[in-house]
Amino acid sequence: MKKIHINEPELCCLGLFRVALSEDTHEARMRAIDVMRHEVVSLGLSNFPFGAGKTKGKAKNDKFVRWVAETSVERYEAAHEYSEISKRYDGKNERKLNVAEYVGKLIWHSIQEQDFTGLYVAGGILERVRKIARDEGIHGARDKDVVSKTWVTYRGVVHLGMAIDYCEENPNQGLNVLQVAERIRRGLSQNCPKKTSKPYVSSDDQISFCYISAV
């Protein structure tokens, strides 16, 4: 399992990291996460008081300014990569990630109901997804093999998007997205379909997002 530490500014931009997870290989996701970190920094630079007078923590600010200058080339390259990642996301990857997250939601519901429905059995979760997609005309989820491949590709990262959706749907509960994501991640990796001994998702395939305080 790969752990990714998220700082305070990044916590406000989790949607960008979900976009990074839409890349279809682990290596591409890791690079995309680095790209999104640069994007978060770029978004915050417009609010930084460059050229301002004396401020508290001036030494720290000076160090940050030097770092900004030293990493400008990296941010320029990352901006280009961000554009390409966004194009892939808008073109096809968002749709595939949405399908995988929907599969994850059905699994999570099955776990909560203590049904532990299988993925590949007759009447199982993948068959349900295919039927819903066929009935509602959802592209990319009407073929069982395609749904299965999509799930295998994204099963290790669906928990973040699932958590974002859940928190958006329950805004008055004061939920922490990363805590919800971690709960879902553990649930998927610690529970097995009935009559099997393998979890829905191996922890080896997962990416865990952890908040790291700057304090």
N, C-alpha and C. Protein backbone atom coordinates (compact mmCIF):
# COMPACT_ATOMS: atom_id res chain seq x y z
N MET A 1 0.84 -1.20 0.00
CA MET A 1 0.00 0.00 0.00
C MET A 1 0.87 1.25 0.00
N LYS A 2 0.51 2.19 -0.82
CA LYS A 2 1.23 3.45 -0.90
C LYS A 2 0.52 4.51 -0.07
N LYS A 3 1.27 5.20 0.79
CA LYS A 3 0.69 6.28 1.60
C LYS A 3 1.05 7.63 1.00
N ILE A 4 0.05 8.48 0.86
CA ILE A 4 0.25 9.83 0.35
C ILE A 4 -0.15 10.81 1.46
N HIS A 5 0.78 11.67 1.84
CA HIS A 5 0.49 12.66 2.87
C HIS A 5 -0.05 13.94 2.24
N ILE A 6 -1.12 14.43 2.81
CA ILE A 6 -1.81 15.61 2.30
C ILE A 6 -1.69 16.73 3.32
N ASN A 7 -1.22 17.90 2.88
CA ASN A 7 -1.12 19.04 3.79
C ASN A 7 -2.38 19.90 3.73
N GLU A 8 -2.38 20.98 4.50
CA GLU A 8 -3.59 21.80 4.62
C GLU A 8 -4.06 22.39 3.29
N PRO A 9 -3.19 23.04 2.50
CA PRO A 9 -3.66 23.56 1.21
C PRO A 9 -4.17 22.46 0.29
N GLU A 10 -3.50 21.31 0.30
CA GLU A 10 -3.91 20.20 -0.56
C GLU A 10 -5.26 19.63 -0.11
N LEU A 11 -5.53 19.72 1.19
CA LEU A 11 -6.79 19.22 1.72
C LEU A 11 -7.97 19.98 1.12
N CYS A 12 -7.73 21.22 0.73
CA CYS A 12 -8.78 22.04 0.12
C CYS A 12 -8.92 21.78 -1.37
N CYS A 13 -8.07 20.92 -1.91
CA CYS A 13 -8.06 20.67 -3.36
C CYS A 13 -8.10 19.17 -3.66
N LEU A 14 -8.86 18.43 -2.87
CA LEU A 14 -8.87 16.98 -3.04
C LEU A 14 -9.42 16.55 -4.40
N GLY A 15 -10.25 17.40 -4.99
CA GLY A 15 -10.76 17.09 -6.32
C GLY A 15 -9.64 16.94 -7.34
N LEU A 16 -8.57 17.72 -7.17
CA LEU A 16 -7.42 17.60 -8.07
C LEU A 16 -6.76 16.23 -7.92
N PHE A 17 -6.70 15.74 -6.69
CA PHE A 17 -6.06 14.45 -6.47
C PHE A 17 -6.93 13.31 -7.00
N ARG A 18 -8.24 13.51 -6.98
CA ARG A 18 -9.11 12.52 -7.61
C ARG A 18 -8.85 12.48 -9.11
N VAL A 19 -8.64 13.63 -9.72
CA VAL A 19 -8.28 13.67 -11.14
C VAL A 19 -6.99 12.89 -11.37
N ALA A 20 -6.02 13.06 -10.47
CA ALA A 20 -4.75 12.33 -10.59
C ALA A 20 -4.98 10.83 -10.55
N LEU A 21 -5.90 10.40 -9.70
CA LEU A 21 -6.18 8.97 -9.56
C LEU A 21 -6.87 8.39 -10.79
N SER A 22 -7.38 9.25 -11.66
CA SER A 22 -8.05 8.75 -12.87
C SER A 22 -7.07 8.22 -13.90
N GLU A 23 -5.78 8.49 -13.72
CA GLU A 23 -4.77 7.88 -14.60
C GLU A 23 -4.83 6.36 -14.41
N ASP A 24 -4.51 5.60 -15.45
CA ASP A 24 -4.83 4.18 -15.40
C ASP A 24 -3.69 3.24 -15.03
N THR A 25 -2.56 3.78 -14.57
CA THR A 25 -1.51 2.94 -14.01
C THR A 25 -1.00 3.57 -12.71
N HIS A 26 -0.40 2.75 -11.87
CA HIS A 26 0.11 3.26 -10.59
C HIS A 26 1.19 4.31 -10.82
N GLU A 27 2.08 4.04 -11.75
CA GLU A 27 3.17 4.98 -12.02
C GLU A 27 2.64 6.32 -12.50
N ALA A 28 1.65 6.27 -13.39
CA ALA A 28 1.06 7.51 -13.91
C ALA A 28 0.35 8.27 -12.80
N ARG A 29 -0.29 7.56 -11.89
CA ARG A 29 -0.97 8.23 -10.77
C ARG A 29 0.02 8.92 -9.85
N MET A 30 1.13 8.26 -9.57
CA MET A 30 2.13 8.86 -8.69
C MET A 30 2.68 10.15 -9.31
N ARG A 31 2.94 10.12 -10.60
CA ARG A 31 3.42 11.33 -11.27
C ARG A 31 2.33 12.40 -11.28
N ALA A 32 1.09 11.98 -11.52
CA ALA A 32 -0.01 12.94 -11.55
C ALA A 32 -0.22 13.58 -10.18
N ILE A 33 -0.01 12.83 -9.12
CA ILE A 33 -0.12 13.39 -7.77
C ILE A 33 0.93 14.47 -7.56
N ASP A 34 2.16 14.23 -8.03
CA ASP A 34 3.20 15.26 -7.95
C ASP A 34 2.80 16.50 -8.74
N VAL A 35 2.22 16.27 -9.91
CA VAL A 35 1.76 17.39 -10.74
C VAL A 35 0.70 18.20 -10.01
N MET A 36 -0.22 17.51 -9.35
CA MET A 36 -1.29 18.21 -8.62
C MET A 36 -0.73 19.00 -7.43
N ARG A 37 0.32 18.49 -6.82
CA ARG A 37 0.95 19.26 -5.74
C ARG A 37 1.47 20.59 -6.27
N HIS A 38 2.10 20.56 -7.44
CA HIS A 38 2.57 21.80 -8.06
C HIS A 38 1.39 22.71 -8.40
N GLU A 39 0.30 22.11 -8.84
CA GLU A 39 -0.88 22.91 -9.18
C GLU A 39 -1.45 23.60 -7.95
N VAL A 40 -1.47 22.90 -6.82
CA VAL A 40 -1.95 23.50 -5.57
C VAL A 40 -1.07 24.69 -5.19
N VAL A 41 0.25 24.52 -5.32
CA VAL A 41 1.17 25.63 -5.02
C VAL A 41 0.89 26.81 -5.95
N SER A 42 0.73 26.52 -7.23
CA SER A 42 0.48 27.59 -8.21
C SER A 42 -0.81 28.33 -7.89
N LEU A 43 -1.83 27.61 -7.47
CA LEU A 43 -3.09 28.24 -7.11
C LEU A 43 -2.94 29.17 -5.92
N GLY A 44 -2.02 28.82 -5.01
CA GLY A 44 -1.83 29.63 -3.81
C GLY A 44 -0.90 30.80 -3.99
N LEU A 45 -0.09 30.79 -5.05
CA LEU A 45 0.90 31.86 -5.22
C LEU A 45 0.25 33.22 -5.42
N SER A 46 -0.93 33.25 -6.02
CA SER A 46 -1.58 34.54 -6.27
C SER A 46 -1.96 35.25 -4.98
N ASN A 47 -2.05 34.50 -3.88
CA ASN A 47 -2.42 35.10 -2.60
C ASN A 47 -1.21 35.36 -1.70
N PHE A 48 -0.01 35.02 -2.21
CA PHE A 48 1.18 35.21 -1.38
C PHE A 48 1.68 36.64 -1.53
N PRO A 49 2.03 37.32 -0.41
CA PRO A 49 2.42 38.74 -0.46
C PRO A 49 3.84 38.98 -0.94
N PHE A 50 4.12 38.66 -2.21
CA PHE A 50 5.44 38.94 -2.76
C PHE A 50 5.68 40.44 -2.76
N GLY A 51 6.88 40.84 -2.34
CA GLY A 51 7.24 42.25 -2.38
C GLY A 51 6.60 43.08 -1.28
N ALA A 52 5.91 42.43 -0.36
CA ALA A 52 5.28 43.18 0.73
C ALA A 52 6.34 43.61 1.73
N GLY A 53 5.95 44.47 2.61
CA GLY A 53 6.88 44.96 3.63
C GLY A 53 7.18 43.91 4.67
N LYS A 54 7.68 44.35 5.81
CA LYS A 54 8.03 43.41 6.86
C LYS A 54 6.79 42.68 7.35
N THR A 55 6.94 41.40 7.48
CA THR A 55 5.84 40.58 7.98
C THR A 55 6.38 39.60 9.00
N LYS A 56 5.50 39.07 9.80
CA LYS A 56 5.91 38.05 10.74
C LYS A 56 6.41 36.83 9.96
N GLY A 57 7.43 36.21 10.49
CA GLY A 57 7.97 35.03 9.82
C GLY A 57 8.67 35.37 8.52
N LYS A 58 9.36 36.53 8.49
CA LYS A 58 9.99 36.97 7.25
C LYS A 58 11.02 35.96 6.75
N ALA A 59 11.80 35.37 7.66
CA ALA A 59 12.81 34.40 7.25
C ALA A 59 12.15 33.20 6.57
N LYS A 60 11.04 32.77 7.12
CA LYS A 60 10.31 31.65 6.53
C LYS A 60 9.77 32.03 5.16
N ASN A 61 9.26 33.27 5.05
CA ASN A 61 8.75 33.74 3.77
C ASN A 61 9.85 33.84 2.73
N ASP A 62 11.02 34.34 3.16
CA ASP A 62 12.15 34.45 2.23
C ASP A 62 12.56 33.07 1.71
N LYS A 63 12.53 32.10 2.59
CA LYS A 63 12.87 30.73 2.18
C LYS A 63 11.86 30.22 1.16
N PHE A 64 10.60 30.54 1.38
CA PHE A 64 9.56 30.11 0.46
C PHE A 64 9.73 30.78 -0.90
N VAL A 65 10.07 32.07 -0.89
CA VAL A 65 10.28 32.80 -2.14
C VAL A 65 11.42 32.18 -2.93
N ARG A 66 12.50 31.82 -2.23
CA ARG A 66 13.62 31.17 -2.91
C ARG A 66 13.20 29.84 -3.51
N TRP A 67 12.41 29.10 -2.74
CA TRP A 67 11.93 27.80 -3.23
C TRP A 67 11.06 27.98 -4.46
N VAL A 68 10.21 29.00 -4.45
CA VAL A 68 9.35 29.28 -5.60
C VAL A 68 10.20 29.54 -6.84
N ALA A 69 11.26 30.33 -6.67
CA ALA A 69 12.14 30.64 -7.80
C ALA A 69 12.88 29.39 -8.29
N GLU A 70 13.35 28.59 -7.35
CA GLU A 70 14.13 27.41 -7.71
C GLU A 70 13.30 26.33 -8.39
N THR A 71 12.01 26.32 -8.13
CA THR A 71 11.15 25.26 -8.68
C THR A 71 10.26 25.77 -9.82
N SER A 72 10.55 26.94 -10.33
CA SER A 72 9.69 27.51 -11.37
C SER A 72 9.67 26.65 -12.63
N VAL A 73 10.82 26.08 -12.99
CA VAL A 73 10.88 25.23 -14.18
C VAL A 73 10.03 23.97 -13.97
N GLU A 74 10.12 23.39 -12.78
CA GLU A 74 9.32 22.20 -12.47
C GLU A 74 7.83 22.51 -12.56
N ARG A 75 7.44 23.69 -12.06
CA ARG A 75 6.02 24.05 -12.11
C ARG A 75 5.57 24.29 -13.54
N TYR A 76 6.45 24.85 -14.35
CA TYR A 76 6.11 25.06 -15.76
C TYR A 76 5.86 23.72 -16.46
N GLU A 77 6.75 22.76 -16.22
CA GLU A 77 6.59 21.44 -16.82
C GLU A 77 5.35 20.75 -16.27
N ALA A 78 5.12 20.93 -14.96
CA ALA A 78 3.95 20.31 -14.34
C ALA A 78 2.65 20.90 -14.90
N ALA A 79 2.68 22.19 -15.22
CA ALA A 79 1.49 22.83 -15.78
C ALA A 79 1.12 22.21 -17.12
N HIS A 80 2.14 21.89 -17.92
CA HIS A 80 1.89 21.22 -19.20
C HIS A 80 1.32 19.82 -18.97
N GLU A 81 1.90 19.09 -18.03
CA GLU A 81 1.41 17.75 -17.72
C GLU A 81 -0.01 17.81 -17.17
N TYR A 82 -0.29 18.83 -16.37
CA TYR A 82 -1.63 19.00 -15.82
C TYR A 82 -2.66 19.13 -16.94
N SER A 83 -2.30 19.88 -17.96
CA SER A 83 -3.19 20.05 -19.11
C SER A 83 -3.47 18.71 -19.78
N GLU A 84 -2.44 17.89 -19.94
CA GLU A 84 -2.61 16.59 -20.59
C GLU A 84 -3.44 15.64 -19.72
N ILE A 85 -3.19 15.67 -18.41
CA ILE A 85 -3.96 14.83 -17.49
C ILE A 85 -5.44 15.22 -17.53
N SER A 86 -5.69 16.52 -17.56
CA SER A 86 -7.07 17.02 -17.59
C SER A 86 -7.78 16.60 -18.88
N LYS A 87 -7.05 16.62 -19.99
CA LYS A 87 -7.64 16.20 -21.26
C LYS A 87 -8.03 14.72 -21.21
N ARG A 88 -7.15 13.90 -20.64
CA ARG A 88 -7.47 12.47 -20.54
C ARG A 88 -8.64 12.25 -19.59
N TYR A 89 -8.68 13.04 -18.54
CA TYR A 89 -9.78 12.94 -17.57
C TYR A 89 -11.11 13.29 -18.22
N ASP A 90 -11.13 14.40 -18.92
CA ASP A 90 -12.36 14.84 -19.58
C ASP A 90 -12.75 13.92 -20.73
N GLY A 91 -11.73 13.34 -21.39
CA GLY A 91 -12.00 12.52 -22.56
C GLY A 91 -12.57 11.15 -22.24
N LYS A 92 -11.97 10.46 -21.27
CA LYS A 92 -12.44 9.10 -20.98
C LYS A 92 -12.21 8.66 -19.53
N ASN A 93 -11.19 9.20 -18.89
CA ASN A 93 -10.82 8.67 -17.58
C ASN A 93 -11.84 8.98 -16.49
N GLU A 94 -12.50 10.13 -16.57
CA GLU A 94 -13.52 10.44 -15.57
C GLU A 94 -14.64 9.42 -15.63
N ARG A 95 -15.07 9.09 -16.83
CA ARG A 95 -16.16 8.14 -17.00
C ARG A 95 -15.79 6.77 -16.41
N LYS A 96 -14.57 6.33 -16.68
CA LYS A 96 -14.13 5.03 -16.16
C LYS A 96 -14.02 5.06 -14.64
N LEU A 97 -13.49 6.15 -14.11
CA LEU A 97 -13.38 6.26 -12.65
C LEU A 97 -14.76 6.30 -12.01
N ASN A 98 -15.70 6.99 -12.64
CA ASN A 98 -17.07 7.03 -12.12
C ASN A 98 -17.68 5.63 -12.04
N VAL A 99 -17.44 4.83 -13.08
CA VAL A 99 -17.97 3.46 -13.09
C VAL A 99 -17.36 2.65 -11.95
N ALA A 100 -16.05 2.75 -11.79
CA ALA A 100 -15.37 2.00 -10.72
C ALA A 100 -15.85 2.45 -9.35
N GLU A 101 -16.04 3.75 -9.17
CA GLU A 101 -16.53 4.25 -7.89
C GLU A 101 -17.95 3.76 -7.62
N TYR A 102 -18.75 3.63 -8.66
CA TYR A 102 -20.11 3.11 -8.48
C TYR A 102 -20.06 1.65 -8.04
N VAL A 103 -19.17 0.89 -8.65
CA VAL A 103 -18.97 -0.50 -8.20
C VAL A 103 -18.57 -0.50 -6.73
N GLY A 104 -17.64 0.38 -6.38
CA GLY A 104 -17.20 0.47 -4.99
C GLY A 104 -18.33 0.81 -4.04
N LYS A 105 -19.23 1.68 -4.47
CA LYS A 105 -20.37 2.06 -3.62
C LYS A 105 -21.30 0.87 -3.40
N LEU A 106 -21.51 0.07 -4.43
CA LEU A 106 -22.36 -1.12 -4.27
C LEU A 106 -21.70 -2.13 -3.32
N ILE A 107 -20.38 -2.26 -3.44
CA ILE A 107 -19.66 -3.16 -2.52
C ILE A 107 -19.78 -2.64 -1.09
N TRP A 108 -19.56 -1.34 -0.92
CA TRP A 108 -19.63 -0.74 0.41
C TRP A 108 -21.01 -0.93 1.03
N HIS A 109 -22.04 -0.73 0.22
CA HIS A 109 -23.41 -0.94 0.70
C HIS A 109 -23.61 -2.40 1.11
N SER A 110 -23.08 -3.31 0.31
CA SER A 110 -23.20 -4.73 0.63
C SER A 110 -22.49 -5.08 1.93
N ILE A 111 -21.35 -4.44 2.16
CA ILE A 111 -20.61 -4.66 3.41
C ILE A 111 -21.42 -4.13 4.60
N GLN A 112 -21.98 -2.94 4.45
CA GLN A 112 -22.77 -2.36 5.54
C GLN A 112 -24.00 -3.20 5.85
N GLU A 113 -24.57 -3.80 4.82
CA GLU A 113 -25.76 -4.64 5.01
C GLU A 113 -25.40 -6.07 5.42
N GLN A 114 -24.08 -6.34 5.49
CA GLN A 114 -23.59 -7.67 5.86
C GLN A 114 -24.01 -8.75 4.85
N ASP A 115 -24.20 -8.33 3.60
CA ASP A 115 -24.54 -9.29 2.55
C ASP A 115 -23.29 -9.90 1.92
N PHE A 116 -22.26 -9.07 1.78
CA PHE A 116 -20.98 -9.48 1.19
C PHE A 116 -21.18 -10.13 -0.18
N THR A 117 -21.93 -9.42 -1.02
CA THR A 117 -22.23 -9.90 -2.36
C THR A 117 -20.97 -10.00 -3.20
N GLY A 118 -20.88 -11.06 -3.99
CA GLY A 118 -19.72 -11.24 -4.85
C GLY A 118 -19.76 -10.34 -6.07
N LEU A 119 -18.61 -10.16 -6.67
CA LEU A 119 -18.50 -9.33 -7.87
C LEU A 119 -18.91 -10.09 -9.12
N TYR A 120 -18.44 -11.31 -9.24
CA TYR A 120 -18.52 -12.03 -10.51
C TYR A 120 -19.60 -13.11 -10.53
N VAL A 121 -20.27 -13.34 -9.42
CA VAL A 121 -21.29 -14.39 -9.37
C VAL A 121 -22.54 -13.94 -10.12
N ALA A 122 -23.39 -14.92 -10.45
CA ALA A 122 -24.66 -14.59 -11.10
C ALA A 122 -25.48 -13.69 -10.19
N GLY A 123 -25.96 -12.60 -10.75
CA GLY A 123 -26.71 -11.63 -9.95
C GLY A 123 -25.84 -10.79 -9.04
N GLY A 124 -24.52 -10.87 -9.26
CA GLY A 124 -23.58 -10.14 -8.41
C GLY A 124 -23.46 -8.67 -8.79
N ILE A 125 -22.49 -8.03 -8.19
CA ILE A 125 -22.36 -6.58 -8.30
C ILE A 125 -22.07 -6.13 -9.73
N LEU A 126 -21.17 -6.80 -10.42
CA LEU A 126 -20.86 -6.38 -11.78
C LEU A 126 -22.06 -6.54 -12.70
N GLU A 127 -22.83 -7.59 -12.47
CA GLU A 127 -24.03 -7.80 -13.28
C GLU A 127 -25.05 -6.70 -13.01
N ARG A 128 -25.15 -6.27 -11.76
CA ARG A 128 -26.08 -5.19 -11.41
C ARG A 128 -25.66 -3.89 -12.09
N VAL A 129 -24.37 -3.62 -12.07
CA VAL A 129 -23.87 -2.39 -12.70
C VAL A 129 -24.16 -2.41 -14.19
N ARG A 130 -23.93 -3.55 -14.81
CA ARG A 130 -24.18 -3.66 -16.25
C ARG A 130 -25.66 -3.44 -16.57
N LYS A 131 -26.54 -4.00 -15.75
CA LYS A 131 -27.98 -3.85 -15.98
C LYS A 131 -28.41 -2.40 -15.83
N ILE A 132 -27.91 -1.74 -14.79
CA ILE A 132 -28.25 -0.33 -14.57
C ILE A 132 -27.74 0.52 -15.74
N ALA A 133 -26.52 0.23 -16.18
CA ALA A 133 -25.94 0.98 -17.30
C ALA A 133 -26.75 0.78 -18.57
N ARG A 134 -27.18 -0.46 -18.79
CA ARG A 134 -27.97 -0.75 -19.99
C ARG A 134 -29.32 -0.04 -19.93
N ASP A 135 -29.95 -0.07 -18.76
CA ASP A 135 -31.27 0.56 -18.60
C ASP A 135 -31.19 2.08 -18.73
N GLU A 136 -30.08 2.66 -18.27
CA GLU A 136 -29.97 4.12 -18.26
C GLU A 136 -29.10 4.65 -19.39
N GLY A 137 -28.62 3.76 -20.26
CA GLY A 137 -27.83 4.19 -21.40
C GLY A 137 -26.48 4.78 -21.04
N ILE A 138 -25.86 4.23 -19.99
CA ILE A 138 -24.56 4.73 -19.55
C ILE A 138 -23.46 4.07 -20.36
N HIS A 139 -22.69 4.87 -21.07
CA HIS A 139 -21.62 4.35 -21.92
C HIS A 139 -20.45 3.85 -21.07
N GLY A 140 -19.87 2.73 -21.50
CA GLY A 140 -18.67 2.23 -20.83
C GLY A 140 -18.93 1.29 -19.68
N ALA A 141 -20.21 0.94 -19.44
CA ALA A 141 -20.51 0.04 -18.32
C ALA A 141 -21.55 -1.01 -18.70
N ARG A 142 -21.84 -1.13 -19.99
CA ARG A 142 -22.87 -2.08 -20.41
C ARG A 142 -22.32 -3.47 -20.70
N ASP A 143 -21.01 -3.58 -20.81
CA ASP A 143 -20.36 -4.85 -21.07
C ASP A 143 -19.68 -5.33 -19.79
N LYS A 144 -19.97 -6.57 -19.40
CA LYS A 144 -19.45 -7.08 -18.13
C LYS A 144 -17.93 -7.12 -18.11
N ASP A 145 -17.33 -7.48 -19.24
CA ASP A 145 -15.86 -7.55 -19.30
C ASP A 145 -15.24 -6.16 -19.16
N VAL A 146 -15.89 -5.17 -19.76
CA VAL A 146 -15.39 -3.79 -19.66
C VAL A 146 -15.50 -3.29 -18.23
N VAL A 147 -16.64 -3.57 -17.59
CA VAL A 147 -16.83 -3.16 -16.20
C VAL A 147 -15.79 -3.84 -15.31
N SER A 148 -15.56 -5.13 -15.55
CA SER A 148 -14.59 -5.87 -14.76
C SER A 148 -13.19 -5.29 -14.91
N LYS A 149 -12.81 -4.98 -16.14
CA LYS A 149 -11.49 -4.40 -16.39
C LYS A 149 -11.37 -3.03 -15.73
N THR A 150 -12.43 -2.25 -15.82
CA THR A 150 -12.42 -0.91 -15.21
C THR A 150 -12.27 -1.02 -13.69
N TRP A 151 -12.98 -1.96 -13.10
CA TRP A 151 -12.89 -2.15 -11.65
C TRP A 151 -11.47 -2.57 -11.25
N VAL A 152 -10.89 -3.50 -11.97
CA VAL A 152 -9.54 -3.96 -11.65
C VAL A 152 -8.54 -2.80 -11.76
N THR A 153 -8.74 -1.95 -12.75
CA THR A 153 -7.83 -0.82 -12.97
C THR A 153 -7.88 0.19 -11.83
N TYR A 154 -9.08 0.44 -11.30
CA TYR A 154 -9.26 1.55 -10.36
C TYR A 154 -9.63 1.13 -8.93
N ARG A 155 -9.72 -0.15 -8.67
CA ARG A 155 -10.24 -0.59 -7.37
C ARG A 155 -9.40 -0.10 -6.18
N GLY A 156 -8.12 0.14 -6.41
CA GLY A 156 -7.27 0.57 -5.31
C GLY A 156 -7.37 2.04 -4.96
N VAL A 157 -8.15 2.80 -5.75
CA VAL A 157 -8.20 4.25 -5.53
C VAL A 157 -9.62 4.81 -5.44
N VAL A 158 -10.63 3.94 -5.54
CA VAL A 158 -12.01 4.44 -5.57
C VAL A 158 -12.46 5.09 -4.27
N HIS A 159 -11.80 4.76 -3.17
CA HIS A 159 -12.28 5.22 -1.86
C HIS A 159 -12.24 6.74 -1.71
N LEU A 160 -11.30 7.41 -2.38
CA LEU A 160 -11.25 8.87 -2.23
C LEU A 160 -12.47 9.53 -2.88
N GLY A 161 -12.77 9.17 -4.11
CA GLY A 161 -13.95 9.73 -4.77
C GLY A 161 -15.24 9.36 -4.06
N MET A 162 -15.31 8.13 -3.56
CA MET A 162 -16.49 7.71 -2.80
C MET A 162 -16.68 8.57 -1.56
N ALA A 163 -15.57 8.87 -0.89
CA ALA A 163 -15.64 9.70 0.32
C ALA A 163 -16.03 11.14 0.00
N ILE A 164 -15.48 11.67 -1.09
CA ILE A 164 -15.84 13.03 -1.50
C ILE A 164 -17.34 13.12 -1.77
N ASP A 165 -17.87 12.14 -2.50
CA ASP A 165 -19.30 12.12 -2.79
C ASP A 165 -20.13 12.02 -1.51
N TYR A 166 -19.72 11.13 -0.62
CA TYR A 166 -20.49 10.92 0.61
C TYR A 166 -20.53 12.19 1.45
N CYS A 167 -19.39 12.86 1.56
CA CYS A 167 -19.34 14.09 2.37
C CYS A 167 -20.14 15.21 1.73
N GLU A 168 -20.13 15.28 0.40
CA GLU A 168 -20.93 16.29 -0.29
C GLU A 168 -22.42 16.03 -0.13
N GLU A 169 -22.79 14.76 -0.05
CA GLU A 169 -24.20 14.40 0.12
C GLU A 169 -24.67 14.54 1.56
N ASN A 170 -23.72 14.66 2.49
CA ASN A 170 -24.06 14.80 3.91
C ASN A 170 -23.31 15.99 4.51
N PRO A 171 -23.57 17.19 4.01
CA PRO A 171 -22.78 18.37 4.41
C PRO A 171 -22.96 18.79 5.86
N ASN A 172 -24.04 18.38 6.49
CA ASN A 172 -24.31 18.83 7.85
C ASN A 172 -23.74 17.92 8.93
N GLN A 173 -23.04 16.89 8.52
CA GLN A 173 -22.51 15.94 9.50
C GLN A 173 -21.09 16.27 9.95
N GLY A 174 -20.50 17.30 9.36
CA GLY A 174 -19.15 17.70 9.76
C GLY A 174 -18.11 16.61 9.54
N LEU A 175 -18.21 15.91 8.43
CA LEU A 175 -17.35 14.78 8.16
C LEU A 175 -15.99 15.21 7.62
N ASN A 176 -14.98 14.44 7.93
CA ASN A 176 -13.63 14.65 7.41
C ASN A 176 -13.44 13.70 6.23
N VAL A 177 -13.20 14.26 5.06
CA VAL A 177 -13.14 13.44 3.84
C VAL A 177 -12.08 12.36 3.94
N LEU A 178 -10.90 12.71 4.42
CA LEU A 178 -9.82 11.72 4.47
C LEU A 178 -10.12 10.61 5.47
N GLN A 179 -10.78 10.96 6.56
CA GLN A 179 -11.15 9.92 7.53
C GLN A 179 -12.20 8.98 6.95
N VAL A 180 -13.15 9.55 6.22
CA VAL A 180 -14.16 8.72 5.56
C VAL A 180 -13.50 7.83 4.51
N ALA A 181 -12.58 8.41 3.74
CA ALA A 181 -11.88 7.64 2.71
C ALA A 181 -11.10 6.48 3.33
N GLU A 182 -10.47 6.75 4.46
CA GLU A 182 -9.69 5.69 5.11
C GLU A 182 -10.60 4.59 5.65
N ARG A 183 -11.74 4.98 6.16
CA ARG A 183 -12.69 3.98 6.64
C ARG A 183 -13.16 3.09 5.49
N ILE A 184 -13.46 3.71 4.36
CA ILE A 184 -13.90 2.93 3.19
C ILE A 184 -12.76 2.04 2.69
N ARG A 185 -11.56 2.62 2.63
CA ARG A 185 -10.41 1.84 2.16
C ARG A 185 -10.22 0.59 3.00
N ARG A 186 -10.27 0.76 4.31
CA ARG A 186 -10.11 -0.39 5.20
C ARG A 186 -11.24 -1.40 5.01
N GLY A 187 -12.45 -0.89 4.84
CA GLY A 187 -13.58 -1.79 4.65
C GLY A 187 -13.43 -2.64 3.40
N LEU A 188 -12.97 -2.04 2.32
CA LEU A 188 -12.80 -2.78 1.07
C LEU A 188 -11.68 -3.80 1.16
N SER A 189 -10.66 -3.50 1.95
CA SER A 189 -9.50 -4.40 2.02
C SER A 189 -9.59 -5.41 3.16
N GLN A 190 -10.55 -5.24 4.05
CA GLN A 190 -10.66 -6.15 5.20
C GLN A 190 -11.88 -7.06 5.13
N ASN A 191 -12.71 -6.88 4.11
CA ASN A 191 -13.90 -7.72 3.96
C ASN A 191 -13.84 -8.49 2.65
N CYS A 192 -14.39 -9.69 2.69
CA CYS A 192 -14.36 -10.58 1.53
C CYS A 192 -15.78 -10.90 1.07
N PRO A 193 -15.96 -11.14 -0.22
CA PRO A 193 -17.26 -11.66 -0.67
C PRO A 193 -17.53 -12.99 0.03
N LYS A 194 -18.80 -13.26 0.29
CA LYS A 194 -19.13 -14.49 1.01
C LYS A 194 -18.63 -15.73 0.27
N LYS A 195 -18.22 -16.69 1.05
CA LYS A 195 -17.68 -17.97 0.57
C LYS A 195 -16.33 -17.81 -0.12
N THR A 196 -15.65 -16.70 0.15
CA THR A 196 -14.30 -16.51 -0.39
C THR A 196 -13.38 -16.06 0.73
N SER A 197 -12.09 -16.11 0.47
CA SER A 197 -11.11 -15.70 1.48
C SER A 197 -10.26 -14.52 1.03
N LYS A 198 -10.54 -14.00 -0.17
CA LYS A 198 -9.80 -12.85 -0.67
C LYS A 198 -10.64 -11.60 -0.52
N PRO A 199 -10.06 -10.51 -0.03
CA PRO A 199 -10.84 -9.27 0.15
C PRO A 199 -11.28 -8.68 -1.18
N TYR A 200 -12.26 -7.80 -1.10
CA TYR A 200 -12.72 -7.13 -2.32
C TYR A 200 -11.56 -6.41 -3.01
N VAL A 201 -10.69 -5.80 -2.20
CA VAL A 201 -9.52 -5.10 -2.74
C VAL A 201 -8.32 -5.44 -1.87
N SER A 202 -7.24 -5.86 -2.49
CA SER A 202 -6.02 -6.12 -1.74
C SER A 202 -5.42 -4.79 -1.29
N SER A 203 -4.96 -4.74 -0.06
CA SER A 203 -4.33 -3.51 0.44
C SER A 203 -3.08 -3.16 -0.37
N ASP A 204 -2.47 -4.17 -1.00
CA ASP A 204 -1.29 -3.92 -1.83
C ASP A 204 -1.61 -3.03 -3.03
N ASP A 205 -2.87 -3.05 -3.45
CA ASP A 205 -3.28 -2.26 -4.62
C ASP A 205 -3.73 -0.85 -4.25
N GLN A 206 -3.82 -0.57 -2.96
CA GLN A 206 -4.46 0.67 -2.54
C GLN A 206 -3.48 1.83 -2.31
N ILE A 207 -4.03 3.02 -2.43
CA ILE A 207 -3.33 4.25 -2.06
C ILE A 207 -4.09 4.86 -0.89
N SER A 208 -3.38 5.11 0.20
CA SER A 208 -4.00 5.68 1.39
C SER A 208 -3.59 7.15 1.51
N PHE A 209 -4.58 8.01 1.72
CA PHE A 209 -4.33 9.44 1.88
C PHE A 209 -4.41 9.81 3.35
N CYS A 210 -3.34 10.43 3.85
CA CYS A 210 -3.25 10.78 5.27
C CYS A 210 -2.95 12.27 5.41
N TYR A 211 -3.67 12.92 6.30
CA TYR A 211 -3.44 14.34 6.55
C TYR A 211 -2.20 14.53 7.41
N ILE A 212 -1.37 15.49 7.04
CA ILE A 212 -0.20 15.81 7.84
C ILE A 212 -0.26 17.29 8.19
N SER A 213 -0.29 17.57 9.47
CA SER A 213 -0.40 18.95 9.93
C SER A 213 0.92 19.68 9.80
N ALA A 214 0.84 20.97 9.48
CA ALA A 214 2.05 21.79 9.39
C ALA A 214 2.51 22.26 10.75
N VAL A 215 1.68 22.05 11.78
CA VAL A 215 2.01 22.51 13.13
C VAL A 215 3.01 21.57 13.77
